[in-house]
Amino acid sequence: MRLNFLSLTILAALAALPAAAQGQAEAVSNLGASTRSGPAPRTADGKPDFSGVWSPEHNFIYDISSALKKGETLPLQPWAAELTKKRLSKDDPEANCLPTGVPRQNPYPWRIVQIPNYIYFLFEGNIHSYRQIFMDGRKHPADPDPTWYGHSIGLFDGDTLVIDSVGFNDRFWFDFAGHPHTEMLHVIERFRRPDLTHLEYEATIDDPGAYTAPFTMYGHSKLQDGVDLQEYICNENNQDVPHITGKDNRK
């Protein structure tokens, strides 16, 4: 039985706890981790096949500072650092059933579907939403309409899937900690599947509106065997928050 909204609330609270507690949350999310071994599968044209259900990366959920290389810090502009300190978890758009944006994740499995000309990321959690990555060689639109997941185009650099995304709105937070961004956000993601059961990726964030320099986040996911995405309607659960917690967190 998958985690319900109350469980999500508990996991969100773990963002403020020591790393050991977050490690326990990661262990919960990896209950279906595959024990198989072998090479990464490939598509008919010889490209790595990223298809499968994958575990979430907790460093892309709670505080993106944890996803940096050791010793690095987020190059926040002063206004962005001050805003992060002022933000309250009850105001988090993701906690209010709005999309996570990019590259944020939520503590639920997610699926990659890879077909010719398109790659889709399907998310179980939050609003049961998806990202689409165009693999047909198109360019970004000259004036993209700002959206939660932006406009994403991809290509293969050897065995690495490179996804270039622009055209974001400024409404989502990068994490539970409340790190912001602006509509100048540009994200370059690189995905690798070194073997059957592991997915490695990095996301380079370039947002001169909120950060003084680009920075790169690093994450990994594990293949989930025997796991299918379940229906999860955050909107319905969110309406029932007063009955679950005894208070209305939407106020």
C-alpha atoms as a PDB file:
ATOM      1  CA  MET A   1       0.000   0.000   0.000  1.00  0.00           C
ATOM      2  CA  ARG A   2       1.502   3.288  -1.110  1.00  0.00           C
ATOM      3  CA  LEU A   3       2.045   6.264   1.190  1.00  0.00           C
ATOM      4  CA  ASN A   4      -1.012   8.490   1.671  1.00  0.00           C
ATOM      5  CA  PHE A   5      -1.197  12.257   2.138  1.00  0.00           C
ATOM      6  CA  LEU A   6      -0.478  11.981   5.868  1.00  0.00           C
ATOM      7  CA  SER A   7       2.647  10.017   5.057  1.00  0.00           C
ATOM      8  CA  LEU A   8       3.669  12.738   2.626  1.00  0.00           C
ATOM      9  CA  THR A   9       3.224  15.303   5.393  1.00  0.00           C
ATOM     10  CA  ILE A  10       5.484  13.244   7.646  1.00  0.00           C
ATOM     11  CA  LEU A  11       8.104  12.927   4.915  1.00  0.00           C
ATOM     12  CA  ALA A  12       8.010  16.662   4.379  1.00  0.00           C
ATOM     13  CA  ALA A  13       8.735  17.152   8.064  1.00  0.00           C
ATOM     14  CA  LEU A  14      11.841  14.994   7.682  1.00  0.00           C
ATOM     15  CA  ALA A  15      13.420  17.815   5.714  1.00  0.00           C
ATOM     16  CA  ALA A  16      14.209  19.462   9.037  1.00  0.00           C
ATOM     17  CA  LEU A  17      15.643  16.290  10.621  1.00  0.00           C
ATOM     18  CA  PRO A  18      19.207  14.924  10.583  1.00  0.00           C
ATOM     19  CA  ALA A  19      20.555  12.995   7.610  1.00  0.00           C
ATOM     20  CA  ALA A  20      19.891   9.670   9.362  1.00  0.00           C
ATOM     21  CA  ALA A  21      16.166  10.352   9.396  1.00  0.00           C
ATOM     22  CA  GLN A  22      16.203  11.311   5.751  1.00  0.00           C
ATOM     23  CA  GLY A  23      18.055   8.083   5.074  1.00  0.00           C
ATOM     24  CA  GLN A  24      15.188   6.182   6.658  1.00  0.00           C
ATOM     25  CA  ALA A  25      12.768   7.983   4.358  1.00  0.00           C
ATOM     26  CA  GLU A  26      14.910   6.987   1.389  1.00  0.00           C
ATOM     27  CA  ALA A  27      14.853   3.381   2.564  1.00  0.00           C
ATOM     28  CA  VAL A  28      11.049   3.475   2.670  1.00  0.00           C
ATOM     29  CA  SER A  29      10.928   4.791  -0.899  1.00  0.00           C
ATOM     30  CA  ASN A  30      13.260   2.012  -2.122  1.00  0.00           C
ATOM     31  CA  LEU A  31      11.284  -0.981  -0.856  1.00  0.00           C
ATOM     32  CA  GLY A  32      10.858  -2.222  -4.433  1.00  0.00           C
ATOM     33  CA  ALA A  33      14.511  -1.793  -5.430  1.00  0.00           C
ATOM     34  CA  SER A  34      15.564  -4.425  -7.942  1.00  0.00           C
ATOM     35  CA  THR A  35      18.038  -7.106  -6.864  1.00  0.00           C
ATOM     36  CA  ARG A  36      18.781  -8.123 -10.442  1.00  0.00           C
ATOM     37  CA  SER A  37      22.025  -7.382 -12.259  1.00  0.00           C
ATOM     38  CA  GLY A  38      23.100  -7.029 -15.850  1.00  0.00           C
ATOM     39  CA  PRO A  39      23.824  -4.463 -18.536  1.00  0.00           C
ATOM     40  CA  ALA A  40      21.532  -1.565 -19.348  1.00  0.00           C
ATOM     41  CA  PRO A  41      18.973  -2.473 -22.020  1.00  0.00           C
ATOM     42  CA  ARG A  42      19.095  -0.805 -25.414  1.00  0.00           C
ATOM     43  CA  THR A  43      16.521   0.212 -27.968  1.00  0.00           C
ATOM     44  CA  ALA A  44      16.361  -1.151 -31.505  1.00  0.00           C
ATOM     45  CA  ASP A  45      18.619   1.683 -32.737  1.00  0.00           C
ATOM     46  CA  GLY A  46      21.265   0.904 -30.110  1.00  0.00           C
ATOM     47  CA  LYS A  47      20.541   3.789 -27.741  1.00  0.00           C
ATOM     48  CA  PRO A  48      20.345   3.190 -23.965  1.00  0.00           C
ATOM     49  CA  ASP A  49      16.768   2.435 -22.927  1.00  0.00           C
ATOM     50  CA  PHE A  50      15.855   4.424 -19.815  1.00  0.00           C
ATOM     51  CA  SER A  51      12.358   2.931 -19.568  1.00  0.00           C
ATOM     52  CA  GLY A  52      11.272   1.641 -16.164  1.00  0.00           C
ATOM     53  CA  VAL A  53       9.906   2.626 -12.768  1.00  0.00           C
ATOM     54  CA  TRP A  54      12.494   4.429 -10.652  1.00  0.00           C
ATOM     55  CA  SER A  55      12.849   5.404  -7.007  1.00  0.00           C
ATOM     56  CA  PRO A  56      12.839   9.091  -5.995  1.00  0.00           C
ATOM     57  CA  GLU A  57      16.024  10.963  -5.111  1.00  0.00           C
ATOM     58  CA  HIS A  58      15.599  12.537  -1.661  1.00  0.00           C
ATOM     59  CA  ASN A  59      18.275  15.177  -2.359  1.00  0.00           C
ATOM     60  CA  PHE A  60      15.988  16.514  -5.109  1.00  0.00           C
ATOM     61  CA  ILE A  61      13.099  16.800  -2.630  1.00  0.00           C
ATOM     62  CA  TYR A  62      14.064  18.238   0.733  1.00  0.00           C
ATOM     63  CA  ASP A  63      16.957  20.663   0.240  1.00  0.00           C
ATOM     64  CA  ILE A  64      18.854  20.928  -3.026  1.00  0.00           C
ATOM     65  CA  SER A  65      21.967  21.984  -1.098  1.00  0.00           C
ATOM     66  CA  SER A  66      22.340  18.270  -0.293  1.00  0.00           C
ATOM     67  CA  ALA A  67      22.577  17.466  -4.007  1.00  0.00           C
ATOM     68  CA  LEU A  68      25.721  19.569  -4.534  1.00  0.00           C
ATOM     69  CA  LYS A  69      29.265  18.245  -4.452  1.00  0.00           C
ATOM     70  CA  LYS A  70      30.818  18.157  -1.009  1.00  0.00           C
ATOM     71  CA  GLY A  71      31.993  21.594   0.058  1.00  0.00           C
ATOM     72  CA  GLU A  72      29.870  23.495  -2.462  1.00  0.00           C
ATOM     73  CA  THR A  73      27.124  25.926  -1.489  1.00  0.00           C
ATOM     74  CA  LEU A  74      24.243  27.396  -3.414  1.00  0.00           C
ATOM     75  CA  PRO A  75      25.264  30.687  -5.082  1.00  0.00           C
ATOM     76  CA  LEU A  76      22.120  32.504  -4.016  1.00  0.00           C
ATOM     77  CA  GLN A  77      21.664  36.182  -4.685  1.00  0.00           C
ATOM     78  CA  PRO A  78      20.908  38.100  -1.457  1.00  0.00           C
ATOM     79  CA  TRP A  79      17.207  38.559  -2.248  1.00  0.00           C
ATOM     80  CA  ALA A  80      16.815  34.840  -3.015  1.00  0.00           C
ATOM     81  CA  ALA A  81      18.559  33.835   0.208  1.00  0.00           C
ATOM     82  CA  GLU A  82      16.322  36.147   2.223  1.00  0.00           C
ATOM     83  CA  LEU A  83      13.179  34.864   0.517  1.00  0.00           C
ATOM     84  CA  THR A  84      14.166  31.253   1.255  1.00  0.00           C
ATOM     85  CA  LYS A  85      14.402  32.064   4.971  1.00  0.00           C
ATOM     86  CA  LYS A  86      10.947  33.662   4.990  1.00  0.00           C
ATOM     87  CA  ARG A  87       9.068  30.915   3.193  1.00  0.00           C
ATOM     88  CA  LEU A  88       6.792  28.608   5.189  1.00  0.00           C
ATOM     89  CA  SER A  89       6.110  24.976   4.312  1.00  0.00           C
ATOM     90  CA  LYS A  90       2.355  25.574   4.284  1.00  0.00           C
ATOM     91  CA  ASP A  91       2.864  27.924   1.317  1.00  0.00           C
ATOM     92  CA  ASP A  92       4.823  25.389  -0.742  1.00  0.00           C
ATOM     93  CA  PRO A  93       3.022  25.075  -4.115  1.00  0.00           C
ATOM     94  CA  GLU A  94       3.892  21.363  -4.285  1.00  0.00           C
ATOM     95  CA  ALA A  95       2.312  20.791  -0.861  1.00  0.00           C
ATOM     96  CA  ASN A  96      -0.792  22.531  -2.192  1.00  0.00           C
ATOM     97  CA  CYS A  97      -1.138  20.094  -5.113  1.00  0.00           C
ATOM     98  CA  LEU A  98       0.643  22.129  -7.776  1.00  0.00           C
ATOM     99  CA  PRO A  99       3.397  20.696 -10.024  1.00  0.00           C
ATOM    100  CA  THR A 100       6.917  20.194  -8.686  1.00  0.00           C
ATOM    101  CA  GLY A 101       8.627  21.897 -11.589  1.00  0.00           C
ATOM    102  CA  VAL A 102      12.140  20.907 -12.702  1.00  0.00           C
ATOM    103  CA  PRO A 103      14.296  19.273 -11.396  1.00  0.00           C
ATOM    104  CA  ARG A 104      12.390  18.766  -8.125  1.00  0.00           C
ATOM    105  CA  GLN A 105      10.968  15.320  -7.321  1.00  0.00           C
ATOM    106  CA  ASN A 106       8.461  13.976  -4.795  1.00  0.00           C
ATOM    107  CA  PRO A 107       8.789  10.899  -2.536  1.00  0.00           C
ATOM    108  CA  TYR A 108       6.967   8.483  -4.844  1.00  0.00           C
ATOM    109  CA  PRO A 109       8.012   6.239  -7.730  1.00  0.00           C
ATOM    110  CA  TRP A 110       8.188   7.708 -11.224  1.00  0.00           C
ATOM    111  CA  ARG A 111       8.320   6.080 -14.647  1.00  0.00           C
ATOM    112  CA  ILE A 112      10.304   6.829 -17.789  1.00  0.00           C
ATOM    113  CA  VAL A 113       8.602   5.897 -21.067  1.00  0.00           C
ATOM    114  CA  GLN A 114      10.948   6.008 -24.063  1.00  0.00           C
ATOM    115  CA  ILE A 115       9.583   5.812 -27.601  1.00  0.00           C
ATOM    116  CA  PRO A 116      10.866   7.158 -30.929  1.00  0.00           C
ATOM    117  CA  ASN A 117      10.861  10.965 -30.962  1.00  0.00           C
ATOM    118  CA  TYR A 118       9.561  11.317 -27.373  1.00  0.00           C
ATOM    119  CA  ILE A 119      10.508  10.527 -23.793  1.00  0.00           C
ATOM    120  CA  TYR A 120       7.937  10.899 -21.030  1.00  0.00           C
ATOM    121  CA  PHE A 121       8.435  11.179 -17.275  1.00  0.00           C
ATOM    122  CA  LEU A 122       5.284  10.011 -15.475  1.00  0.00           C
ATOM    123  CA  PHE A 123       4.878  10.984 -11.826  1.00  0.00           C
ATOM    124  CA  GLU A 124       2.779   9.044  -9.336  1.00  0.00           C
ATOM    125  CA  GLY A 125       2.833  11.696  -6.646  1.00  0.00           C
ATOM    126  CA  ASN A 126       1.411  15.181  -6.362  1.00  0.00           C
ATOM    127  CA  ILE A 127      -0.977  15.812  -9.261  1.00  0.00           C
ATOM    128  CA  HIS A 128      -0.247  12.558 -11.149  1.00  0.00           C
ATOM    129  CA  SER A 129       1.407  14.622 -13.887  1.00  0.00           C
ATOM    130  CA  TYR A 130       4.041  14.163 -16.587  1.00  0.00           C
ATOM    131  CA  ARG A 131       6.888  15.794 -18.481  1.00  0.00           C
ATOM    132  CA  GLN A 132       7.404  15.360 -22.206  1.00  0.00           C
ATOM    133  CA  ILE A 133      10.810  15.598 -23.826  1.00  0.00           C
ATOM    134  CA  PHE A 134      10.909  16.129 -27.580  1.00  0.00           C
ATOM    135  CA  MET A 135      13.552  13.924 -29.232  1.00  0.00           C
ATOM    136  CA  ASP A 136      12.704  14.786 -32.851  1.00  0.00           C
ATOM    137  CA  GLY A 137      15.333  17.477 -33.359  1.00  0.00           C
ATOM    138  CA  ARG A 138      13.077  20.485 -32.879  1.00  0.00           C
ATOM    139  CA  LYS A 139      14.319  23.702 -31.285  1.00  0.00           C
ATOM    140  CA  HIS A 140      12.903  25.670 -28.380  1.00  0.00           C
ATOM    141  CA  PRO A 141      10.177  28.126 -29.389  1.00  0.00           C
ATOM    142  CA  ALA A 142      11.421  31.692 -29.730  1.00  0.00           C
ATOM    143  CA  ASP A 143       8.975  32.920 -27.103  1.00  0.00           C
ATOM    144  CA  PRO A 144       7.873  29.947 -24.948  1.00  0.00           C
ATOM    145  CA  ASP A 145       4.753  30.296 -22.852  1.00  0.00           C
ATOM    146  CA  PRO A 146       6.002  29.963 -19.236  1.00  0.00           C
ATOM    147  CA  THR A 147       4.853  26.677 -17.684  1.00  0.00           C
ATOM    148  CA  TRP A 148       5.551  24.548 -14.606  1.00  0.00           C
ATOM    149  CA  TYR A 149       7.657  21.962 -16.475  1.00  0.00           C
ATOM    150  CA  GLY A 150       8.972  24.210 -19.224  1.00  0.00           C
ATOM    151  CA  HIS A 151       9.793  23.194 -22.786  1.00  0.00           C
ATOM    152  CA  SER A 152      12.218  20.269 -22.995  1.00  0.00           C
ATOM    153  CA  ILE A 153      14.221  18.987 -25.946  1.00  0.00           C
ATOM    154  CA  GLY A 154      16.615  16.053 -25.779  1.00  0.00           C
ATOM    155  CA  LEU A 155      19.406  14.308 -27.631  1.00  0.00           C
ATOM    156  CA  PHE A 156      21.945  11.561 -27.023  1.00  0.00           C
ATOM    157  CA  ASP A 157      25.596  12.390 -26.413  1.00  0.00           C
ATOM    158  CA  GLY A 158      27.005   8.880 -26.692  1.00  0.00           C
ATOM    159  CA  ASP A 159      25.189   6.913 -23.990  1.00  0.00           C
ATOM    160  CA  THR A 160      24.151  10.055 -22.102  1.00  0.00           C
ATOM    161  CA  LEU A 161      20.678  11.507 -22.500  1.00  0.00           C
ATOM    162  CA  VAL A 162      20.924  15.308 -22.465  1.00  0.00           C
ATOM    163  CA  ILE A 163      17.727  17.280 -21.787  1.00  0.00           C
ATOM    164  CA  ASP A 164      17.643  21.050 -22.300  1.00  0.00           C
ATOM    165  CA  SER A 165      14.685  22.864 -20.698  1.00  0.00           C
ATOM    166  CA  VAL A 166      13.597  26.525 -20.766  1.00  0.00           C
ATOM    167  CA  GLY A 167      10.318  28.428 -20.587  1.00  0.00           C
ATOM    168  CA  PHE A 168       9.527  27.999 -16.897  1.00  0.00           C
ATOM    169  CA  ASN A 169       7.194  30.069 -14.784  1.00  0.00           C
ATOM    170  CA  ASP A 170       8.531  31.285 -11.428  1.00  0.00           C
ATOM    171  CA  ARG A 171       5.833  29.702  -9.260  1.00  0.00           C
ATOM    172  CA  PHE A 172       7.347  26.404  -8.129  1.00  0.00           C
ATOM    173  CA  TRP A 173       9.942  25.974  -5.386  1.00  0.00           C
ATOM    174  CA  PHE A 174      13.084  23.918  -5.949  1.00  0.00           C
ATOM    175  CA  ASP A 175      12.540  22.011  -2.677  1.00  0.00           C
ATOM    176  CA  PHE A 176      10.783  21.878   0.692  1.00  0.00           C
ATOM    177  CA  ALA A 177      13.372  24.392   1.928  1.00  0.00           C
ATOM    178  CA  GLY A 178      11.851  27.009  -0.382  1.00  0.00           C
ATOM    179  CA  HIS A 179      14.741  27.826  -2.721  1.00  0.00           C
ATOM    180  CA  PRO A 180      13.363  30.072  -5.488  1.00  0.00           C
ATOM    181  CA  HIS A 181      14.040  30.683  -9.151  1.00  0.00           C
ATOM    182  CA  THR A 182      12.949  33.154 -11.839  1.00  0.00           C
ATOM    183  CA  GLU A 183      11.618  32.835 -15.381  1.00  0.00           C
ATOM    184  CA  MET A 184      15.225  33.122 -16.556  1.00  0.00           C
ATOM    185  CA  LEU A 185      15.749  29.516 -15.400  1.00  0.00           C
ATOM    186  CA  HIS A 186      17.572  27.214 -17.829  1.00  0.00           C
ATOM    187  CA  VAL A 187      18.104  23.556 -16.844  1.00  0.00           C
ATOM    188  CA  ILE A 188      20.436  21.057 -18.518  1.00  0.00           C
ATOM    189  CA  GLU A 189      19.942  17.467 -17.313  1.00  0.00           C
ATOM    190  CA  ARG A 190      22.210  14.519 -18.101  1.00  0.00           C
ATOM    191  CA  PHE A 191      20.971  10.966 -17.537  1.00  0.00           C
ATOM    192  CA  ARG A 192      23.059   7.784 -17.644  1.00  0.00           C
ATOM    193  CA  ARG A 193      22.096   4.148 -17.082  1.00  0.00           C
ATOM    194  CA  PRO A 194      25.390   2.419 -16.273  1.00  0.00           C
ATOM    195  CA  ASP A 195      23.710  -0.961 -15.738  1.00  0.00           C
ATOM    196  CA  LEU A 196      20.304  -2.576 -15.505  1.00  0.00           C
ATOM    197  CA  THR A 197      19.238  -1.248 -12.120  1.00  0.00           C
ATOM    198  CA  HIS A 198      20.863   2.157 -11.667  1.00  0.00           C
ATOM    199  CA  LEU A 199      20.034   5.589 -13.063  1.00  0.00           C
ATOM    200  CA  GLU A 200      22.528   8.410 -12.576  1.00  0.00           C
ATOM    201  CA  TYR A 201      21.779  12.021 -13.404  1.00  0.00           C
ATOM    202  CA  GLU A 202      22.831  15.601 -12.887  1.00  0.00           C
ATOM    203  CA  ALA A 203      21.020  18.871 -13.367  1.00  0.00           C
ATOM    204  CA  THR A 204      22.857  22.102 -14.082  1.00  0.00           C
ATOM    205  CA  ILE A 205      20.853  25.133 -12.986  1.00  0.00           C
ATOM    206  CA  ASP A 206      21.492  28.443 -14.731  1.00  0.00           C
ATOM    207  CA  ASP A 207      19.277  31.231 -13.419  1.00  0.00           C
ATOM    208  CA  PRO A 208      20.995  34.641 -13.391  1.00  0.00           C
ATOM    209  CA  GLY A 209      17.827  36.129 -11.928  1.00  0.00           C
ATOM    210  CA  ALA A 210      18.227  34.343  -8.583  1.00  0.00           C
ATOM    211  CA  TYR A 211      21.769  32.888  -8.482  1.00  0.00           C
ATOM    212  CA  THR A 212      25.167  34.450  -8.989  1.00  0.00           C
ATOM    213  CA  ALA A 213      26.508  31.484 -10.993  1.00  0.00           C
ATOM    214  CA  PRO A 214      25.324  28.173 -12.460  1.00  0.00           C
ATOM    215  CA  PHE A 215      25.460  25.128 -10.172  1.00  0.00           C
ATOM    216  CA  THR A 216      25.020  21.394 -10.633  1.00  0.00           C
ATOM    217  CA  MET A 217      22.959  18.917  -8.627  1.00  0.00           C
ATOM    218  CA  TYR A 218      23.710  15.172  -8.588  1.00  0.00           C
ATOM    219  CA  GLY A 219      21.268  12.332  -8.022  1.00  0.00           C
ATOM    220  CA  HIS A 220      20.574   8.668  -8.598  1.00  0.00           C
ATOM    221  CA  SER A 221      17.592   6.323  -8.678  1.00  0.00           C
ATOM    222  CA  LYS A 222      17.148   2.563  -8.460  1.00  0.00           C
ATOM    223  CA  LEU A 223      15.011   0.407 -10.717  1.00  0.00           C
ATOM    224  CA  GLN A 224      11.830  -0.737  -8.976  1.00  0.00           C
ATOM    225  CA  ASP A 225      10.824  -4.336  -9.737  1.00  0.00           C
ATOM    226  CA  GLY A 226       7.186  -5.342  -9.581  1.00  0.00           C
ATOM    227  CA  VAL A 227       6.098  -1.741  -8.979  1.00  0.00           C
ATOM    228  CA  ASP A 228       3.433   0.054 -10.981  1.00  0.00           C
ATOM    229  CA  LEU A 229       2.431   3.676 -10.566  1.00  0.00           C
ATOM    230  CA  GLN A 230      -0.741   3.986  -8.532  1.00  0.00           C
ATOM    231  CA  GLU A 231      -3.425   6.626  -8.798  1.00  0.00           C
ATOM    232  CA  TYR A 232      -2.670   9.459  -6.411  1.00  0.00           C
ATOM    233  CA  ILE A 233      -4.930  12.497  -6.489  1.00  0.00           C
ATOM    234  CA  CYS A 234      -3.341  15.131  -4.286  1.00  0.00           C
ATOM    235  CA  ASN A 235      -6.266  17.520  -4.778  1.00  0.00           C
ATOM    236  CA  GLU A 236      -8.714  15.161  -3.079  1.00  0.00           C
ATOM    237  CA  ASN A 237      -6.388  14.349  -0.202  1.00  0.00           C
ATOM    238  CA  ASN A 238      -5.527  18.020   0.246  1.00  0.00           C
ATOM    239  CA  GLN A 239      -9.208  18.863   0.724  1.00  0.00           C
ATOM    240  CA  ASP A 240      -9.264  16.423   3.620  1.00  0.00           C
ATOM    241  CA  VAL A 241      -6.286  17.928   5.476  1.00  0.00           C
ATOM    242  CA  PRO A 242      -8.451  19.259   8.389  1.00  0.00           C
ATOM    243  CA  HIS A 243      -9.803  15.753   8.999  1.00  0.00           C
ATOM    244  CA  ILE A 244      -6.336  14.194   8.907  1.00  0.00           C
ATOM    245  CA  THR A 245      -4.390  16.696  10.986  1.00  0.00           C
ATOM    246  CA  GLY A 246      -7.127  18.428  12.957  1.00  0.00           C
ATOM    247  CA  LYS A 247      -6.337  21.818  11.447  1.00  0.00           C
ATOM    248  CA  ASP A 248      -6.641  23.500   8.071  1.00  0.00           C
ATOM    249  CA  ASN A 249      -3.095  24.006   6.716  1.00  0.00           C
ATOM    250  CA  ARG A 250      -4.424  25.870   3.692  1.00  0.00           C
ATOM    251  CA  LYS A 251      -5.091  29.002   5.758  1.00  0.00           C
END
